[in-house]
Structures are given as C-alpha cells and as structure tokens.
Amino acid sequence: MPEKSIISYTAMLSVYANNGQIANAHKLFDEMPQRIVATWNTMITTYVKNMNRVDGVEEAFNLFLHMPVQNAVSYTTMMMDFVNASRFDEAEKLYEGTPLELRDPFCSNILSNGCLKIGKLENL
C-alpha cells in the first residue's frame, strides 16, 4: 500500500477488531493522524465485542464521550451496548439525551427491547 488513508486505517482497525486483537486495534487507533465517525464507531464496537460486558461497555462509553461528533450509529450502538449489559437506565438516559434529528427507529426499538428484557412494560 503506497500511502495510508483514513479508509485504509479504518479497514485495518476492522480487521483487528474482527480478530479480537484489541491491543493492536487500540494502538492503531491512537496512531491514526485523523479519525472519522466510522473509525470511532468501529473502536466502540471493538471494545464491546471483545471484552467482558462491564469493561467493554465502560471503554466504549469513554470513547463515545470523547468523540468529536456522534451520529445515529454511534448513539444506537452505545444504547444497544447498555441494554445488552443490562444497564437499561443508562440506555434510557442516553436516549433522552440523543438529539432529535439522530433518533431513528432503531434507537426506539432498542429501548423497547430493553424494557421487555427487564420487565418494564409500563415504559412501552
């Protein structure tokens, strides 16, 4: 590869993530000269996918909070991470703080599934 681009960096990050190489993914992420939203989202997914639920969600949320810009995918992914880790209150709080223009049907569905998962039917 003659010159690395943001696309090639993000592709390599995905390869590390899909192979459970968190340390290499994190090192590459830190070395990247610039990052796009997709890069941050890939790293968030990497932590949750490859670590235990508590540590993975904590690392993912820390990255989420440091993102210069979040998009609908960022919010949806983070809400799903909270719901899957049985941290419904945090998912709900994040949903309430999500800008209206970024709330898509996936966010609402994730929250509804979380309600069903923990038996909070009155919230539906």
N, C-alpha and C. Protein backbone atom coordinates (compact mmCIF):
# COMPACT_ATOMS: atom_id res chain seq x y z
N MET A 1 0.86 -1.17 0.00
CA MET A 1 0.00 0.00 0.00
C MET A 1 0.90 1.23 0.00
N PRO A 2 0.82 2.05 -1.04
CA PRO A 2 1.72 3.19 -1.16
C PRO A 2 1.56 4.21 -0.03
N GLU A 3 0.34 4.63 0.23
CA GLU A 3 0.12 5.62 1.27
C GLU A 3 -1.14 5.26 2.04
N LYS A 4 -1.05 5.36 3.35
CA LYS A 4 -2.21 5.03 4.17
C LYS A 4 -3.21 6.18 4.13
N SER A 5 -4.47 5.82 4.02
CA SER A 5 -5.55 6.81 4.04
C SER A 5 -6.44 6.52 5.23
N ILE A 6 -7.36 7.41 5.49
CA ILE A 6 -8.29 7.20 6.59
C ILE A 6 -9.12 5.94 6.36
N ILE A 7 -9.41 5.65 5.10
CA ILE A 7 -10.18 4.44 4.76
C ILE A 7 -9.35 3.19 5.04
N SER A 8 -8.08 3.20 4.65
CA SER A 8 -7.24 2.02 4.89
C SER A 8 -6.99 1.82 6.39
N TYR A 9 -6.82 2.91 7.12
CA TYR A 9 -6.66 2.80 8.58
C TYR A 9 -7.92 2.17 9.20
N THR A 10 -9.09 2.65 8.79
CA THR A 10 -10.33 2.14 9.35
C THR A 10 -10.55 0.68 8.97
N ALA A 11 -10.16 0.31 7.76
CA ALA A 11 -10.26 -1.09 7.33
C ALA A 11 -9.36 -1.98 8.19
N MET A 12 -8.14 -1.53 8.45
CA MET A 12 -7.23 -2.31 9.31
C MET A 12 -7.78 -2.42 10.72
N LEU A 13 -8.35 -1.34 11.20
CA LEU A 13 -8.97 -1.35 12.53
C LEU A 13 -10.07 -2.41 12.59
N SER A 14 -10.87 -2.50 11.54
CA SER A 14 -11.93 -3.52 11.47
C SER A 14 -11.36 -4.93 11.47
N VAL A 15 -10.25 -5.12 10.76
CA VAL A 15 -9.61 -6.44 10.73
C VAL A 15 -9.15 -6.83 12.13
N TYR A 16 -8.47 -5.93 12.82
CA TYR A 16 -8.04 -6.21 14.19
C TYR A 16 -9.25 -6.51 15.08
N ALA A 17 -10.29 -5.69 14.95
CA ALA A 17 -11.49 -5.87 15.77
C ALA A 17 -12.13 -7.22 15.54
N ASN A 18 -12.26 -7.61 14.28
CA ASN A 18 -12.91 -8.88 13.95
C ASN A 18 -12.10 -10.09 14.35
N ASN A 19 -10.83 -9.88 14.65
CA ASN A 19 -9.97 -10.99 15.07
C ASN A 19 -9.62 -10.91 16.56
N GLY A 20 -10.33 -10.07 17.30
CA GLY A 20 -10.14 -9.99 18.74
C GLY A 20 -8.83 -9.37 19.19
N GLN A 21 -8.18 -8.64 18.32
CA GLN A 21 -6.88 -8.04 18.65
C GLN A 21 -7.08 -6.61 19.15
N ILE A 22 -7.59 -6.51 20.37
CA ILE A 22 -7.93 -5.21 20.95
C ILE A 22 -6.70 -4.32 21.09
N ALA A 23 -5.61 -4.87 21.59
CA ALA A 23 -4.40 -4.07 21.81
C ALA A 23 -3.90 -3.47 20.49
N ASN A 24 -3.87 -4.29 19.44
CA ASN A 24 -3.43 -3.78 18.14
C ASN A 24 -4.41 -2.74 17.59
N ALA A 25 -5.69 -2.98 17.78
CA ALA A 25 -6.70 -2.02 17.31
C ALA A 25 -6.53 -0.70 18.05
N HIS A 26 -6.35 -0.77 19.35
CA HIS A 26 -6.19 0.46 20.15
C HIS A 26 -4.92 1.20 19.76
N LYS A 27 -3.84 0.46 19.55
CA LYS A 27 -2.57 1.08 19.14
C LYS A 27 -2.73 1.80 17.80
N LEU A 28 -3.34 1.13 16.84
CA LEU A 28 -3.56 1.74 15.53
C LEU A 28 -4.46 2.97 15.65
N PHE A 29 -5.51 2.86 16.45
CA PHE A 29 -6.43 3.98 16.67
C PHE A 29 -5.66 5.19 17.21
N ASP A 30 -4.79 4.95 18.19
CA ASP A 30 -4.01 6.03 18.78
C ASP A 30 -3.03 6.65 17.79
N GLU A 31 -2.53 5.85 16.85
CA GLU A 31 -1.54 6.32 15.88
C GLU A 31 -2.15 7.03 14.68
N MET A 32 -3.44 6.91 14.51
CA MET A 32 -4.09 7.49 13.33
C MET A 32 -3.95 9.01 13.34
N PRO A 33 -3.51 9.59 12.21
CA PRO A 33 -3.37 11.04 12.16
C PRO A 33 -4.71 11.77 12.19
N GLN A 34 -5.76 11.12 11.71
CA GLN A 34 -7.11 11.69 11.80
C GLN A 34 -8.10 10.54 11.86
N ARG A 35 -9.29 10.85 12.38
CA ARG A 35 -10.32 9.82 12.52
C ARG A 35 -11.64 10.37 12.01
N ILE A 36 -12.44 9.48 11.44
CA ILE A 36 -13.79 9.85 11.03
C ILE A 36 -14.76 9.15 11.97
N VAL A 37 -16.02 9.51 11.90
CA VAL A 37 -17.02 8.93 12.80
C VAL A 37 -17.02 7.40 12.70
N ALA A 38 -16.89 6.88 11.49
CA ALA A 38 -16.87 5.42 11.31
C ALA A 38 -15.72 4.77 12.07
N THR A 39 -14.59 5.46 12.16
CA THR A 39 -13.44 4.94 12.89
C THR A 39 -13.76 4.82 14.37
N TRP A 40 -14.35 5.87 14.93
CA TRP A 40 -14.74 5.86 16.34
C TRP A 40 -15.77 4.77 16.60
N ASN A 41 -16.77 4.65 15.71
CA ASN A 41 -17.81 3.63 15.88
C ASN A 41 -17.21 2.22 15.83
N THR A 42 -16.24 2.01 14.96
CA THR A 42 -15.58 0.71 14.87
C THR A 42 -14.87 0.39 16.18
N MET A 43 -14.20 1.37 16.75
CA MET A 43 -13.48 1.15 18.00
C MET A 43 -14.45 0.89 19.16
N ILE A 44 -15.57 1.60 19.18
CA ILE A 44 -16.59 1.36 20.22
C ILE A 44 -17.09 -0.07 20.13
N THR A 45 -17.39 -0.51 18.93
CA THR A 45 -17.86 -1.88 18.72
C THR A 45 -16.79 -2.90 19.11
N THR A 46 -15.54 -2.59 18.83
CA THR A 46 -14.43 -3.48 19.18
C THR A 46 -14.39 -3.76 20.67
N TYR A 47 -14.50 -2.71 21.47
CA TYR A 47 -14.44 -2.90 22.92
C TYR A 47 -15.57 -3.78 23.43
N VAL A 48 -16.77 -3.51 22.98
CA VAL A 48 -17.91 -4.27 23.48
C VAL A 48 -17.87 -5.71 22.99
N LYS A 49 -17.48 -5.90 21.76
CA LYS A 49 -17.48 -7.22 21.15
C LYS A 49 -16.40 -8.14 21.74
N ASN A 50 -15.29 -7.57 22.16
CA ASN A 50 -14.13 -8.38 22.53
C ASN A 50 -13.76 -8.34 24.00
N MET A 51 -14.53 -7.65 24.81
CA MET A 51 -14.22 -7.59 26.24
C MET A 51 -15.44 -8.04 27.02
N ASN A 52 -15.26 -8.26 28.32
CA ASN A 52 -16.43 -8.61 29.11
C ASN A 52 -17.39 -7.42 29.14
N ARG A 53 -18.61 -7.68 29.47
CA ARG A 53 -19.65 -6.65 29.37
C ARG A 53 -19.36 -5.39 30.18
N VAL A 54 -18.82 -5.54 31.36
CA VAL A 54 -18.59 -4.37 32.20
C VAL A 54 -17.46 -3.52 31.63
N ASP A 55 -16.29 -4.12 31.45
CA ASP A 55 -15.14 -3.36 30.96
C ASP A 55 -15.35 -2.86 29.54
N GLY A 56 -15.94 -3.70 28.70
CA GLY A 56 -16.17 -3.31 27.31
C GLY A 56 -17.09 -2.12 27.19
N VAL A 57 -18.17 -2.12 27.95
CA VAL A 57 -19.12 -1.01 27.89
C VAL A 57 -18.48 0.25 28.46
N GLU A 58 -17.71 0.11 29.53
CA GLU A 58 -17.03 1.29 30.10
C GLU A 58 -16.07 1.91 29.10
N GLU A 59 -15.24 1.08 28.47
CA GLU A 59 -14.29 1.57 27.47
C GLU A 59 -15.03 2.20 26.29
N ALA A 60 -16.09 1.54 25.84
CA ALA A 60 -16.87 2.05 24.71
C ALA A 60 -17.50 3.40 25.05
N PHE A 61 -18.08 3.51 26.24
CA PHE A 61 -18.73 4.76 26.61
C PHE A 61 -17.71 5.88 26.78
N ASN A 62 -16.54 5.56 27.29
CA ASN A 62 -15.48 6.55 27.40
C ASN A 62 -15.11 7.10 26.02
N LEU A 63 -14.97 6.20 25.05
CA LEU A 63 -14.69 6.65 23.68
C LEU A 63 -15.85 7.48 23.14
N PHE A 64 -17.07 7.02 23.36
CA PHE A 64 -18.25 7.74 22.89
C PHE A 64 -18.24 9.18 23.40
N LEU A 65 -17.93 9.35 24.68
CA LEU A 65 -17.92 10.68 25.27
C LEU A 65 -16.82 11.57 24.69
N HIS A 66 -15.75 10.96 24.19
CA HIS A 66 -14.64 11.73 23.63
C HIS A 66 -14.73 11.94 22.12
N MET A 67 -15.75 11.37 21.50
CA MET A 67 -15.91 11.57 20.06
C MET A 67 -16.17 13.04 19.77
N PRO A 68 -15.50 13.59 18.77
CA PRO A 68 -15.78 14.99 18.42
C PRO A 68 -17.21 15.17 17.91
N VAL A 69 -17.72 14.17 17.19
CA VAL A 69 -19.07 14.21 16.65
C VAL A 69 -19.64 12.79 16.68
N GLN A 70 -20.85 12.66 17.20
CA GLN A 70 -21.54 11.37 17.17
C GLN A 70 -22.61 11.41 16.09
N ASN A 71 -22.92 10.24 15.53
CA ASN A 71 -24.01 10.16 14.57
C ASN A 71 -25.04 9.16 15.10
N ALA A 72 -26.07 8.88 14.30
CA ALA A 72 -27.13 7.97 14.73
C ALA A 72 -26.57 6.59 15.05
N VAL A 73 -25.59 6.14 14.27
CA VAL A 73 -24.97 4.83 14.51
C VAL A 73 -24.26 4.82 15.87
N SER A 74 -23.59 5.90 16.21
CA SER A 74 -22.89 6.00 17.50
C SER A 74 -23.87 5.84 18.65
N TYR A 75 -24.96 6.59 18.59
CA TYR A 75 -25.96 6.53 19.66
C TYR A 75 -26.62 5.15 19.72
N THR A 76 -27.00 4.63 18.57
CA THR A 76 -27.66 3.32 18.53
C THR A 76 -26.75 2.23 19.07
N THR A 77 -25.50 2.24 18.66
CA THR A 77 -24.54 1.24 19.13
C THR A 77 -24.36 1.32 20.63
N MET A 78 -24.21 2.53 21.14
CA MET A 78 -23.98 2.69 22.58
C MET A 78 -25.21 2.28 23.38
N MET A 79 -26.41 2.62 22.88
CA MET A 79 -27.64 2.20 23.57
C MET A 79 -27.76 0.68 23.59
N MET A 80 -27.45 0.05 22.47
CA MET A 80 -27.50 -1.41 22.39
C MET A 80 -26.50 -2.03 23.36
N ASP A 81 -25.32 -1.43 23.47
CA ASP A 81 -24.31 -1.92 24.40
C ASP A 81 -24.83 -1.87 25.84
N PHE A 82 -25.45 -0.75 26.20
CA PHE A 82 -26.01 -0.62 27.55
C PHE A 82 -27.11 -1.65 27.79
N VAL A 83 -28.02 -1.81 26.84
CA VAL A 83 -29.12 -2.77 27.01
C VAL A 83 -28.57 -4.19 27.14
N ASN A 84 -27.62 -4.56 26.28
CA ASN A 84 -27.04 -5.91 26.33
C ASN A 84 -26.29 -6.17 27.63
N ALA A 85 -25.80 -5.11 28.26
CA ALA A 85 -25.10 -5.25 29.54
C ALA A 85 -26.07 -5.08 30.72
N SER A 86 -27.38 -5.07 30.43
CA SER A 86 -28.43 -4.91 31.45
C SER A 86 -28.30 -3.59 32.20
N ARG A 87 -27.89 -2.56 31.49
CA ARG A 87 -27.76 -1.22 32.07
C ARG A 87 -28.81 -0.32 31.42
N PHE A 88 -30.06 -0.72 31.65
CA PHE A 88 -31.17 -0.06 30.98
C PHE A 88 -31.28 1.42 31.33
N ASP A 89 -31.07 1.77 32.59
CA ASP A 89 -31.19 3.17 32.99
C ASP A 89 -30.23 4.06 32.20
N GLU A 90 -29.02 3.55 31.95
CA GLU A 90 -28.05 4.33 31.18
C GLU A 90 -28.46 4.42 29.71
N ALA A 91 -29.05 3.34 29.19
CA ALA A 91 -29.54 3.37 27.81
C ALA A 91 -30.66 4.41 27.67
N GLU A 92 -31.55 4.41 28.65
CA GLU A 92 -32.67 5.35 28.65
C GLU A 92 -32.18 6.79 28.76
N LYS A 93 -31.21 7.01 29.62
CA LYS A 93 -30.64 8.35 29.79
C LYS A 93 -29.97 8.82 28.50
N LEU A 94 -29.25 7.91 27.85
CA LEU A 94 -28.59 8.26 26.59
C LEU A 94 -29.63 8.58 25.52
N TYR A 95 -30.70 7.79 25.48
CA TYR A 95 -31.78 8.04 24.51
C TYR A 95 -32.38 9.43 24.73
N GLU A 96 -32.64 9.76 25.98
CA GLU A 96 -33.22 11.06 26.29
C GLU A 96 -32.29 12.21 25.90
N GLY A 97 -30.98 11.96 25.93
CA GLY A 97 -30.01 12.98 25.56
C GLY A 97 -29.64 12.98 24.08
N THR A 98 -30.20 12.04 23.34
CA THR A 98 -29.91 11.96 21.91
C THR A 98 -30.63 13.09 21.17
N PRO A 99 -29.90 13.86 20.37
CA PRO A 99 -30.57 14.91 19.59
C PRO A 99 -31.70 14.31 18.74
N LEU A 100 -32.81 15.02 18.67
CA LEU A 100 -33.99 14.50 17.97
C LEU A 100 -33.69 14.09 16.53
N GLU A 101 -32.84 14.84 15.86
CA GLU A 101 -32.54 14.51 14.46
C GLU A 101 -31.74 13.21 14.31
N LEU A 102 -31.16 12.72 15.42
CA LEU A 102 -30.40 11.47 15.37
C LEU A 102 -31.19 10.28 15.90
N ARG A 103 -32.38 10.53 16.41
CA ARG A 103 -33.21 9.42 16.90
C ARG A 103 -33.89 8.75 15.71
N ASP A 104 -33.49 7.55 15.46
CA ASP A 104 -34.12 6.82 14.36
C ASP A 104 -34.90 5.65 14.95
N PRO A 105 -35.64 4.92 14.13
CA PRO A 105 -36.44 3.80 14.66
C PRO A 105 -35.61 2.75 15.41
N PHE A 106 -34.35 2.60 15.03
CA PHE A 106 -33.51 1.61 15.71
C PHE A 106 -33.33 1.97 17.19
N CYS A 107 -33.13 3.25 17.47
CA CYS A 107 -32.98 3.69 18.87
C CYS A 107 -34.22 3.33 19.68
N SER A 108 -35.37 3.64 19.13
CA SER A 108 -36.63 3.35 19.83
C SER A 108 -36.82 1.85 20.01
N ASN A 109 -36.50 1.07 18.99
CA ASN A 109 -36.62 -0.39 19.09
C ASN A 109 -35.69 -0.96 20.14
N ILE A 110 -34.48 -0.45 20.20
CA ILE A 110 -33.52 -0.94 21.20
C ILE A 110 -34.05 -0.65 22.60
N LEU A 111 -34.58 0.54 22.80
CA LEU A 111 -35.12 0.90 24.11
C LEU A 111 -36.34 0.03 24.45
N SER A 112 -37.20 -0.20 23.48
CA SER A 112 -38.37 -1.07 23.70
C SER A 112 -37.94 -2.49 24.06
N ASN A 113 -36.95 -3.00 23.35
CA ASN A 113 -36.43 -4.34 23.66
C ASN A 113 -35.83 -4.39 25.06
N GLY A 114 -35.17 -3.30 25.45
CA GLY A 114 -34.62 -3.23 26.80
C GLY A 114 -35.71 -3.27 27.85
N CYS A 115 -36.80 -2.55 27.58
CA CYS A 115 -37.95 -2.56 28.50
C CYS A 115 -38.49 -3.97 28.65
N LEU A 116 -38.66 -4.66 27.54
CA LEU A 116 -39.17 -6.03 27.58
C LEU A 116 -38.20 -6.95 28.31
N LYS A 117 -36.91 -6.75 28.08
CA LYS A 117 -35.89 -7.60 28.69
C LYS A 117 -35.92 -7.54 30.21
N ILE A 118 -36.17 -6.35 30.74
CA ILE A 118 -36.14 -6.22 32.20
C ILE A 118 -37.54 -6.12 32.81
N GLY A 119 -38.57 -6.29 31.98
CA GLY A 119 -39.93 -6.31 32.51
C GLY A 119 -40.52 -4.96 32.83
N LYS A 120 -40.01 -3.90 32.23
CA LYS A 120 -40.56 -2.56 32.44
C LYS A 120 -41.61 -2.27 31.37
N LEU A 121 -42.68 -3.02 31.40
CA LEU A 121 -43.71 -2.90 30.38
C LEU A 121 -44.43 -1.56 30.42
N GLU A 122 -44.45 -0.92 31.58
CA GLU A 122 -45.12 0.38 31.69
C GLU A 122 -44.40 1.46 30.89
N ASN A 123 -43.13 1.22 30.54
CA ASN A 123 -42.36 2.20 29.77
C ASN A 123 -42.62 2.12 28.27
N LEU A 124 -43.33 1.08 27.84
CA LEU A 124 -43.55 0.92 26.39
C LEU A 124 -44.60 1.85 25.87
